[in-house]
PDB file of N, CA and C in Angstrom:
ATOM      1  N   MET A   1      72.050 126.477 109.356  1.00  0.00           N
ATOM      2  CA  MET A   1      72.942 125.463 108.829  1.00  0.00           C
ATOM      3  C   MET A   1      72.225 124.120 108.929  1.00  0.00           C
ATOM      4  N   SER A   2      72.287 123.322 107.883  1.00  0.00           N
ATOM      5  CA  SER A   2      71.599 122.037 107.879  1.00  0.00           C
ATOM      6  C   SER A   2      72.308 121.041 108.780  1.00  0.00           C
ATOM      7  N   GLU A   3      71.591 119.978 109.159  1.00  0.00           N
ATOM      8  CA  GLU A   3      72.183 118.932 109.988  1.00  0.00           C
ATOM      9  C   GLU A   3      73.359 118.281 109.269  1.00  0.00           C
ATOM     10  N   ARG A   4      73.244 118.056 107.955  1.00  0.00           N
ATOM     11  CA  ARG A   4      74.329 117.429 107.202  1.00  0.00           C
ATOM     12  C   ARG A   4      75.560 118.331 107.183  1.00  0.00           C
ATOM     13  N   THR A   5      75.377 119.640 107.051  1.00  0.00           N
ATOM     14  CA  THR A   5      76.503 120.564 107.073  1.00  0.00           C
ATOM     15  C   THR A   5      77.155 120.554 108.450  1.00  0.00           C
ATOM     16  N   GLU A   6      76.360 120.532 109.510  1.00  0.00           N
ATOM     17  CA  GLU A   6      76.922 120.470 110.851  1.00  0.00           C
ATOM     18  C   GLU A   6      77.717 119.187 111.028  1.00  0.00           C
ATOM     19  N   ASP A   7      77.235 118.057 110.477  1.00  0.00           N
ATOM     20  CA  ASP A   7      77.971 116.804 110.560  1.00  0.00           C
ATOM     21  C   ASP A   7      79.331 116.934 109.889  1.00  0.00           C
ATOM     22  N   ALA A   8      79.390 117.578 108.739  1.00  0.00           N
ATOM     23  CA  ALA A   8      80.668 117.770 108.057  1.00  0.00           C
ATOM     24  C   ALA A   8      81.579 118.634 108.913  1.00  0.00           C
ATOM     25  N   TYR A   9      81.026 119.671 109.557  1.00  0.00           N
ATOM     26  CA  TYR A   9      81.846 120.510 110.423  1.00  0.00           C
ATOM     27  C   TYR A   9      82.355 119.720 111.625  1.00  0.00           C
ATOM     28  N   ASP A  10      81.596 118.743 112.109  1.00  0.00           N
ATOM     29  CA  ASP A  10      82.077 117.904 113.205  1.00  0.00           C
ATOM     30  C   ASP A  10      83.339 117.164 112.801  1.00  0.00           C
ATOM     31  N   ALA A  11      83.539 116.979 111.499  1.00  0.00           N
ATOM     32  CA  ALA A  11      84.708 116.259 110.996  1.00  0.00           C
ATOM     33  C   ALA A  11      85.906 117.182 110.805  1.00  0.00           C
ATOM     34  N   LEU A  12      85.795 118.467 111.181  1.00  0.00           N
ATOM     35  CA  LEU A  12      86.912 119.393 110.992  1.00  0.00           C
ATOM     36  C   LEU A  12      88.177 118.894 111.658  1.00  0.00           C
ATOM     37  N   ASP A  13      88.046 118.251 112.807  1.00  0.00           N
ATOM     38  CA  ASP A  13      89.234 117.803 113.512  1.00  0.00           C
ATOM     39  C   ASP A  13      89.984 116.705 112.769  1.00  0.00           C
ATOM     40  N   VAL A  14      89.393 116.124 111.742  1.00  0.00           N
ATOM     41  CA  VAL A  14      90.098 115.100 110.976  1.00  0.00           C
ATOM     42  C   VAL A  14      90.729 115.653 109.703  1.00  0.00           C
ATOM     43  N   LEU A  15      90.515 116.940 109.398  1.00  0.00           N
ATOM     44  CA  LEU A  15      91.120 117.496 108.185  1.00  0.00           C
ATOM     45  C   LEU A  15      92.639 117.374 108.199  1.00  0.00           C
ATOM     46  N   ASP A  16      93.253 117.589 109.354  1.00  0.00           N
ATOM     47  CA  ASP A  16      94.706 117.478 109.407  1.00  0.00           C
ATOM     48  C   ASP A  16      95.143 116.025 109.240  1.00  0.00           C
ATOM     49  N   ALA A  17      94.339 115.086 109.711  1.00  0.00           N
ATOM     50  CA  ALA A  17      94.660 113.670 109.494  1.00  0.00           C
ATOM     51  C   ALA A  17      94.615 113.342 108.002  1.00  0.00           C
ATOM     52  N   TYR A  18      93.634 113.884 107.293  1.00  0.00           N
ATOM     53  CA  TYR A  18      93.586 113.696 105.837  1.00  0.00           C
ATOM     54  C   TYR A  18      94.806 114.324 105.175  1.00  0.00           C
ATOM     55  N   ARG A  19      95.215 115.508 105.645  1.00  0.00           N
ATOM     56  CA  ARG A  19      96.394 116.177 105.076  1.00  0.00           C
ATOM     57  C   ARG A  19      97.631 115.296 105.250  1.00  0.00           C
ATOM     58  N   GLN A  20      97.780 114.742 106.436  1.00  0.00           N
ATOM     59  CA  GLN A  20      98.928 113.878 106.699  1.00  0.00           C
ATOM     60  C   GLN A  20      98.876 112.621 105.840  1.00  0.00           C
ATOM     61  N   GLU A  21      97.689 112.022 105.735  1.00  0.00           N
ATOM     62  CA  GLU A  21      97.525 110.821 104.910  1.00  0.00           C
ATOM     63  C   GLU A  21      97.855 111.116 103.445  1.00  0.00           C
ATOM     64  N   ALA A  22      97.548 112.330 102.997  1.00  0.00           N
ATOM     65  CA  ALA A  22      97.830 112.732 101.612  1.00  0.00           C
ATOM     66  C   ALA A  22      99.303 113.086 101.408  1.00  0.00           C
ATOM     67  N   GLY A  23     100.055 113.180 102.488  1.00  0.00           N
ATOM     68  CA  GLY A  23     101.470 113.480 102.380  1.00  0.00           C
ATOM     69  C   GLY A  23     101.769 114.927 102.021  1.00  0.00           C
ATOM     70  N   LEU A  24     100.914 115.838 102.451  1.00  0.00           N
ATOM     71  CA  LEU A  24     101.102 117.255 102.145  1.00  0.00           C
ATOM     72  C   LEU A  24     101.536 118.015 103.395  1.00  0.00           C
ATOM     73  N   SER A  25     102.467 118.938 103.220  1.00  0.00           N
ATOM     74  CA  SER A  25     102.802 119.854 104.306  1.00  0.00           C
ATOM     75  C   SER A  25     101.692 120.896 104.388  1.00  0.00           C
ATOM     76  N   HIS A  26     101.709 121.677 105.459  1.00  0.00           N
ATOM     77  CA  HIS A  26     100.723 122.755 105.561  1.00  0.00           C
ATOM     78  C   HIS A  26     100.872 123.717 104.384  1.00  0.00           C
ATOM     79  N   GLY A  27     102.112 124.043 104.037  1.00  0.00           N
ATOM     80  CA  GLY A  27     102.357 124.966 102.934  1.00  0.00           C
ATOM     81  C   GLY A  27     101.893 124.421 101.597  1.00  0.00           C
ATOM     82  N   GLU A  28     102.112 123.131 101.362  1.00  0.00           N
ATOM     83  CA  GLU A  28     101.667 122.522 100.108  1.00  0.00           C
ATOM     84  C   GLU A  28     100.148 122.519 100.008  1.00  0.00           C
ATOM     85  N   LEU A  29      99.488 122.209 101.122  1.00  0.00           N
ATOM     86  CA  LEU A  29      98.025 122.236 101.109  1.00  0.00           C
ATOM     87  C   LEU A  29      97.532 123.656 100.904  1.00  0.00           C
ATOM     88  N   TRP A  30      98.148 124.637 101.571  1.00  0.00           N
ATOM     89  CA  TRP A  30      97.720 126.023 101.389  1.00  0.00           C
ATOM     90  C   TRP A  30      97.858 126.440  99.925  1.00  0.00           C
ATOM     91  N   LEU A  31      98.980 126.079  99.277  1.00  0.00           N
ATOM     92  CA  LEU A  31      99.173 126.451  97.877  1.00  0.00           C
ATOM     93  C   LEU A  31      98.072 125.848  97.010  1.00  0.00           C
ATOM     94  N   ARG A  32      97.737 124.595  97.221  1.00  0.00           N
ATOM     95  CA  ARG A  32      96.661 123.948  96.453  1.00  0.00           C
ATOM     96  C   ARG A  32      95.318 124.635  96.726  1.00  0.00           C
ATOM     97  N   TYR A  33      95.069 124.934  97.987  1.00  0.00           N
ATOM     98  CA  TYR A  33      93.847 125.634  98.398  1.00  0.00           C
ATOM     99  C   TYR A  33      93.772 126.996  97.709  1.00  0.00           C
ATOM    100  N   PHE A  34      94.871 127.738  97.724  1.00  0.00           N
ATOM    101  CA  PHE A  34      94.923 129.062  97.104  1.00  0.00           C
ATOM    102  C   PHE A  34      94.709 128.966  95.595  1.00  0.00           C
ATOM    103  N   GLU A  35      95.325 127.970  94.963  1.00  0.00           N
ATOM    104  CA  GLU A  35      95.168 127.789  93.511  1.00  0.00           C
ATOM    105  C   GLU A  35      93.721 127.519  93.122  1.00  0.00           C
ATOM    106  N   LEU A  36      92.955 126.932  94.037  1.00  0.00           N
ATOM    107  CA  LEU A  36      91.543 126.638  93.780  1.00  0.00           C
ATOM    108  C   LEU A  36      90.629 127.805  94.161  1.00  0.00           C
ATOM    109  N   GLY A  37      91.213 128.915  94.598  1.00  0.00           N
ATOM    110  CA  GLY A  37      90.411 130.085  94.908  1.00  0.00           C
ATOM    111  C   GLY A  37      90.251 130.393  96.382  1.00  0.00           C
ATOM    112  N   GLY A  38      90.897 129.617  97.248  1.00  0.00           N
ATOM    113  CA  GLY A  38      90.828 129.900  98.677  1.00  0.00           C
ATOM    114  C   GLY A  38      91.531 131.210  98.988  1.00  0.00           C
ATOM    115  N   MET A  39      90.953 131.997  99.866  1.00  0.00           N
ATOM    116  CA  MET A  39      91.488 133.330 100.144  1.00  0.00           C
ATOM    117  C   MET A  39      92.021 133.491 101.565  1.00  0.00           C
ATOM    118  N   SER A  40      92.033 132.434 102.355  1.00  0.00           N
ATOM    119  CA  SER A  40      92.547 132.529 103.722  1.00  0.00           C
ATOM    120  C   SER A  40      94.066 132.446 103.711  1.00  0.00           C
ATOM    121  N   THR A  41      94.673 132.983 104.757  1.00  0.00           N
ATOM    122  CA  THR A  41      96.129 132.929 104.885  1.00  0.00           C
ATOM    123  C   THR A  41      96.564 131.525 105.295  1.00  0.00           C
ATOM    124  N   GLY A  42      97.849 131.275 105.209  1.00  0.00           N
ATOM    125  CA  GLY A  42      98.389 129.991 105.650  1.00  0.00           C
ATOM    126  C   GLY A  42      98.104 129.740 107.124  1.00  0.00           C
ATOM    127  N   SER A  43      98.211 130.777 107.934  1.00  0.00           N
ATOM    128  CA  SER A  43      97.929 130.639 109.374  1.00  0.00           C
ATOM    129  C   SER A  43      96.456 130.306 109.620  1.00  0.00           C
ATOM    130  N   GLU A  44      95.576 130.936 108.864  1.00  0.00           N
ATOM    131  CA  GLU A  44      94.147 130.637 109.007  1.00  0.00           C
ATOM    132  C   GLU A  44      93.862 129.206 108.580  1.00  0.00           C
ATOM    133  N   LEU A  45      94.500 128.756 107.508  1.00  0.00           N
ATOM    134  CA  LEU A  45      94.297 127.375 107.058  1.00  0.00           C
ATOM    135  C   LEU A  45      94.732 126.401 108.143  1.00  0.00           C
ATOM    136  N   GLU A  46      95.882 126.639 108.744  1.00  0.00           N
ATOM    137  CA  GLU A  46      96.329 125.764 109.839  1.00  0.00           C
ATOM    138  C   GLU A  46      95.321 125.773 110.988  1.00  0.00           C
ATOM    139  N   ALA A  47      94.777 126.937 111.296  1.00  0.00           N
ATOM    140  CA  ALA A  47      93.772 127.019 112.360  1.00  0.00           C
ATOM    141  C   ALA A  47      92.523 126.219 111.989  1.00  0.00           C
ATOM    142  N   TYR A  48      92.135 126.219 110.721  1.00  0.00           N
ATOM    143  CA  TYR A  48      91.014 125.390 110.273  1.00  0.00           C
ATOM    144  C   TYR A  48      91.337 123.916 110.483  1.00  0.00           C
ATOM    145  N   LEU A  49      92.550 123.517 110.106  1.00  0.00           N
ATOM    146  CA  LEU A  49      92.944 122.114 110.209  1.00  0.00           C
ATOM    147  C   LEU A  49      92.906 121.616 111.646  1.00  0.00           C
ATOM    148  N   TYR A  50      93.273 122.485 112.569  1.00  0.00           N
ATOM    149  CA  TYR A  50      93.324 122.095 113.978  1.00  0.00           C
ATOM    150  C   TYR A  50      92.042 122.382 114.731  1.00  0.00           C
ATOM    151  N   GLY A  51      91.046 122.965 114.039  1.00  0.00           N
ATOM    152  CA  GLY A  51      89.766 123.233 114.670  1.00  0.00           C
ATOM    153  C   GLY A  51      89.746 124.488 115.521  1.00  0.00           C
ATOM    154  N   ALA A  52      90.795 125.318 115.450  1.00  0.00           N
ATOM    155  CA  ALA A  52      90.826 126.565 116.216  1.00  0.00           C
ATOM    156  C   ALA A  52      89.922 127.624 115.601  1.00  0.00           C
ATOM    157  N   LEU A  53      89.768 127.593 114.287  1.00  0.00           N
ATOM    158  CA  LEU A  53      88.840 128.458 113.567  1.00  0.00           C
ATOM    159  C   LEU A  53      87.917 127.586 112.735  1.00  0.00           C
ATOM    160  N   ARG A  54      86.716 128.083 112.493  1.00  0.00           N
ATOM    161  CA  ARG A  54      85.754 127.354 111.657  1.00  0.00           C
ATOM    162  C   ARG A  54      85.693 128.023 110.290  1.00  0.00           C
ATOM    163  N   PRO A  55      86.043 127.279 109.229  1.00  0.00           N
ATOM    164  CA  PRO A  55      85.971 127.871 107.886  1.00  0.00           C
ATOM    165  C   PRO A  55      84.524 128.036 107.444  1.00  0.00           C
ATOM    166  N   SER A  56      84.321 128.938 106.496  1.00  0.00           N
ATOM    167  CA  SER A  56      83.003 129.036 105.875  1.00  0.00           C
ATOM    168  C   SER A  56      82.758 127.737 105.113  1.00  0.00           C
ATOM    169  N   PRO A  57      81.507 127.433 104.779  1.00  0.00           N
ATOM    170  CA  PRO A  57      81.259 126.233 103.971  1.00  0.00           C
ATOM    171  C   PRO A  57      82.061 126.251 102.672  1.00  0.00           C
ATOM    172  N   HIS A  58      82.210 127.434 102.058  1.00  0.00           N
ATOM    173  CA  HIS A  58      82.993 127.537 100.823  1.00  0.00           C
ATOM    174  C   HIS A  58      84.454 127.179 101.078  1.00  0.00           C
ATOM    175  N   ASP A  59      85.058 127.754 102.118  1.00  0.00           N
ATOM    176  CA  ASP A  59      86.458 127.450 102.417  1.00  0.00           C
ATOM    177  C   ASP A  59      86.638 125.980 102.769  1.00  0.00           C
ATOM    178  N   TYR A  60      85.706 125.416 103.543  1.00  0.00           N
ATOM    179  CA  TYR A  60      85.768 123.995 103.866  1.00  0.00           C
ATOM    180  C   TYR A  60      85.792 123.162 102.582  1.00  0.00           C
ATOM    181  N   ASP A  61      84.901 123.497 101.636  1.00  0.00           N
ATOM    182  CA  ASP A  61      84.832 122.751 100.389  1.00  0.00           C
ATOM    183  C   ASP A  61      86.091 122.909  99.545  1.00  0.00           C
ATOM    184  N   VAL A  62      86.713 124.083  99.575  1.00  0.00           N
ATOM    185  CA  VAL A  62      87.952 124.286  98.813  1.00  0.00           C
ATOM    186  C   VAL A  62      89.074 123.446  99.432  1.00  0.00           C
ATOM    187  N   ILE A  63      89.147 123.396 100.757  1.00  0.00           N
ATOM    188  CA  ILE A  63      90.138 122.544 101.423  1.00  0.00           C
ATOM    189  C   ILE A  63      89.888 121.082 101.063  1.00  0.00           C
ATOM    190  N   ALA A  64      88.636 120.659 101.137  1.00  0.00           N
ATOM    191  CA  ALA A  64      88.290 119.276 100.794  1.00  0.00           C
ATOM    192  C   ALA A  64      88.655 118.970  99.341  1.00  0.00           C
ATOM    193  N   GLN A  65      88.380 119.899  98.436  1.00  0.00           N
ATOM    194  CA  GLN A  65      88.717 119.696  97.020  1.00  0.00           C
ATOM    195  C   GLN A  65      90.225 119.562  96.836  1.00  0.00           C
ATOM    196  N   ALA A  66      90.991 120.419  97.502  1.00  0.00           N
ATOM    197  CA  ALA A  66      92.450 120.350  97.395  1.00  0.00           C
ATOM    198  C   ALA A  66      92.964 119.000  97.885  1.00  0.00           C
ATOM    199  N   LEU A  67      92.427 118.525  98.993  1.00  0.00           N
ATOM    200  CA  LEU A  67      92.845 117.221  99.515  1.00  0.00           C
ATOM    201  C   LEU A  67      92.399 116.093  98.591  1.00  0.00           C
ATOM    202  N   ASN A  68      91.158 116.152  98.120  1.00  0.00           N
ATOM    203  CA  ASN A  68      90.657 115.099  97.238  1.00  0.00           C
ATOM    204  C   ASN A  68      91.433 115.027  95.930  1.00  0.00           C
ATOM    205  N   GLU A  69      91.834 116.174  95.388  1.00  0.00           N
ATOM    206  CA  GLU A  69      92.652 116.150  94.173  1.00  0.00           C
ATOM    207  C   GLU A  69      93.983 115.459  94.426  1.00  0.00           C
ATOM    208  N   ARG A  70      94.549 115.662  95.607  1.00  0.00           N
ATOM    209  CA  ARG A  70      95.807 114.983  95.951  1.00  0.00           C
ATOM    210  C   ARG A  70      95.592 113.474  96.033  1.00  0.00           C
ATOM    211  N   PHE A  71      94.493 113.042  96.644  1.00  0.00           N
ATOM    212  CA  PHE A  71      94.228 111.614  96.740  1.00  0.00           C
ATOM    213  C   PHE A  71      94.055 110.991  95.353  1.00  0.00           C
ATOM    214  N   VAL A  72      93.433 111.715  94.429  1.00  0.00           N
ATOM    215  CA  VAL A  72      93.294 111.222  93.052  1.00  0.00           C
ATOM    216  C   VAL A  72      94.676 111.098  92.404  1.00  0.00           C
ATOM    217  N   GLU A  73      95.542 112.095  92.612  1.00  0.00           N
ATOM    218  CA  GLU A  73      96.905 112.018  92.092  1.00  0.00           C
ATOM    219  C   GLU A  73      97.627 110.768  92.592  1.00  0.00           C
ATOM    220  N   LEU A  74      97.312 110.364  93.820  1.00  0.00           N
ATOM    221  CA  LEU A  74      97.939 109.188  94.422  1.00  0.00           C
ATOM    222  C   LEU A  74      97.246 107.893  94.012  1.00  0.00           C
ATOM    223  N   GLY A  75      96.253 107.986  93.139  1.00  0.00           N
ATOM    224  CA  GLY A  75      95.549 106.801  92.651  1.00  0.00           C
ATOM    225  C   GLY A  75      94.367 106.398  93.507  1.00  0.00           C
ATOM    226  N   GLY A  76      93.941 107.271  94.387  1.00  0.00           N
ATOM    227  CA  GLY A  76      92.820 106.962  95.270  1.00  0.00           C
ATOM    228  C   GLY A  76      91.529 107.583  94.800  1.00  0.00           C
ATOM    229  N   ASN A  77      90.607 107.670  95.732  1.00  0.00           N
ATOM    230  CA  ASN A  77      89.290 108.215  95.458  1.00  0.00           C
ATOM    231  C   ASN A  77      89.191 109.600  96.089  1.00  0.00           C
ATOM    232  N   HIS A  78      87.995 110.012  96.435  1.00  0.00           N
ATOM    233  CA  HIS A  78      87.722 111.304  97.075  1.00  0.00           C
ATOM    234  C   HIS A  78      87.252 111.049  98.507  1.00  0.00           C
ATOM    235  N   PRO A  79      88.167 110.778  99.446  1.00  0.00           N
ATOM    236  CA  PRO A  79      87.734 110.404 100.793  1.00  0.00           C
ATOM    237  C   PRO A  79      87.269 111.557 101.673  1.00  0.00           C
ATOM    238  N   VAL A  80      87.625 112.786 101.335  1.00  0.00           N
ATOM    239  CA  VAL A  80      87.287 113.914 102.200  1.00  0.00           C
ATOM    240  C   VAL A  80      85.881 114.405 101.854  1.00  0.00           C
ATOM    241  N   PRO A  81      84.972 114.402 102.838  1.00  0.00           N
ATOM    242  CA  PRO A  81      83.604 114.844 102.560  1.00  0.00           C
ATOM    243  C   PRO A  81      83.538 116.342 102.340  1.00  0.00           C
ATOM    244  N   TYR A  82      82.588 116.762 101.529  1.00  0.00           N
ATOM    245  CA  TYR A  82      82.314 118.183 101.325  1.00  0.00           C
ATOM    246  C   TYR A  82      81.310 118.630 102.384  1.00  0.00           C
ATOM    247  N   ALA A  83      81.055 119.903 102.471  1.00  0.00           N
ATOM    248  CA  ALA A  83      80.220 120.457 103.539  1.00  0.00           C
ATOM    249  C   ALA A  83      78.843 119.807 103.605  1.00  0.00           C
ATOM    250  N   ASP A  84      78.276 119.426 102.469  1.00  0.00           N
ATOM    251  CA  ASP A  84      76.942 118.825 102.470  1.00  0.00           C
ATOM    252  C   ASP A  84      76.959 117.300 102.444  1.00  0.00           C
ATOM    253  N   ASP A  85      78.147 116.690 102.528  1.00  0.00           N
ATOM    254  CA  ASP A  85      78.269 115.232 102.501  1.00  0.00           C
ATOM    255  C   ASP A  85      78.239 114.652 103.905  1.00  0.00           C
ATOM    256  N   GLU A  86      78.021 113.354 103.956  1.00  0.00           N
ATOM    257  CA  GLU A  86      78.137 112.637 105.213  1.00  0.00           C
ATOM    258  C   GLU A  86      79.615 112.562 105.583  1.00  0.00           C
ATOM    259  N   PRO A  87      79.965 112.757 106.852  1.00  0.00           N
ATOM    260  CA  PRO A  87      81.369 112.684 107.251  1.00  0.00           C
ATOM    261  C   PRO A  87      81.913 111.269 107.161  1.00  0.00           C
ATOM    262  N   ARG A  88      83.209 111.176 106.851  1.00  0.00           N
ATOM    263  CA  ARG A  88      83.904 109.892 106.815  1.00  0.00           C
ATOM    264  C   ARG A  88      85.171 110.022 107.637  1.00  0.00           C
ATOM    265  N   THR A  89      85.615 108.940 108.214  1.00  0.00           N
ATOM    266  CA  THR A  89      86.826 108.939 109.021  1.00  0.00           C
ATOM    267  C   THR A  89      87.994 108.497 108.159  1.00  0.00           C
ATOM    268  N   PRO A  90      89.135 109.213 108.231  1.00  0.00           N
ATOM    269  CA  PRO A  90      90.295 108.818 107.427  1.00  0.00           C
ATOM    270  C   PRO A  90      90.911 107.531 107.962  1.00  0.00           C
ATOM    271  N   ASN A  91      91.646 106.855 107.107  1.00  0.00           N
ATOM    272  CA  ASN A  91      92.367 105.641 107.489  1.00  0.00           C
ATOM    273  C   ASN A  91      93.716 106.055 108.059  1.00  0.00           C
ATOM    274  N   VAL A  92      93.701 106.418 109.324  1.00  0.00           N
ATOM    275  CA  VAL A  92      94.921 106.904 109.972  1.00  0.00           C
ATOM    276  C   VAL A  92      95.377 105.844 110.956  1.00  0.00           C
ATOM    277  N   LEU A  93      96.669 105.569 110.954  1.00  0.00           N
ATOM    278  CA  LEU A  93      97.228 104.577 111.872  1.00  0.00           C
ATOM    279  C   LEU A  93      97.274 105.104 113.281  1.00  0.00           C
TER     280      LEU A  93
END
């Protein structure tokens, strides 16, 4: 695994903060993830969000895509990094 990919994985603990900032429930995020081709269960997705399980790079990217699409719907940008991107911290209060 590359150093940049490991850096993105270090940001796993902020995925749930991004979900909250996007205003999505766990179920809503899972549905978006599933629609984009994610194959994990809702329970597995929650475990990814909380850092209890580590998603594959593909699953991480599908979660990031689902969140980023929501941010675009809200008039924002793509704040969630993909597996090969530099990590960014969400604007959480």
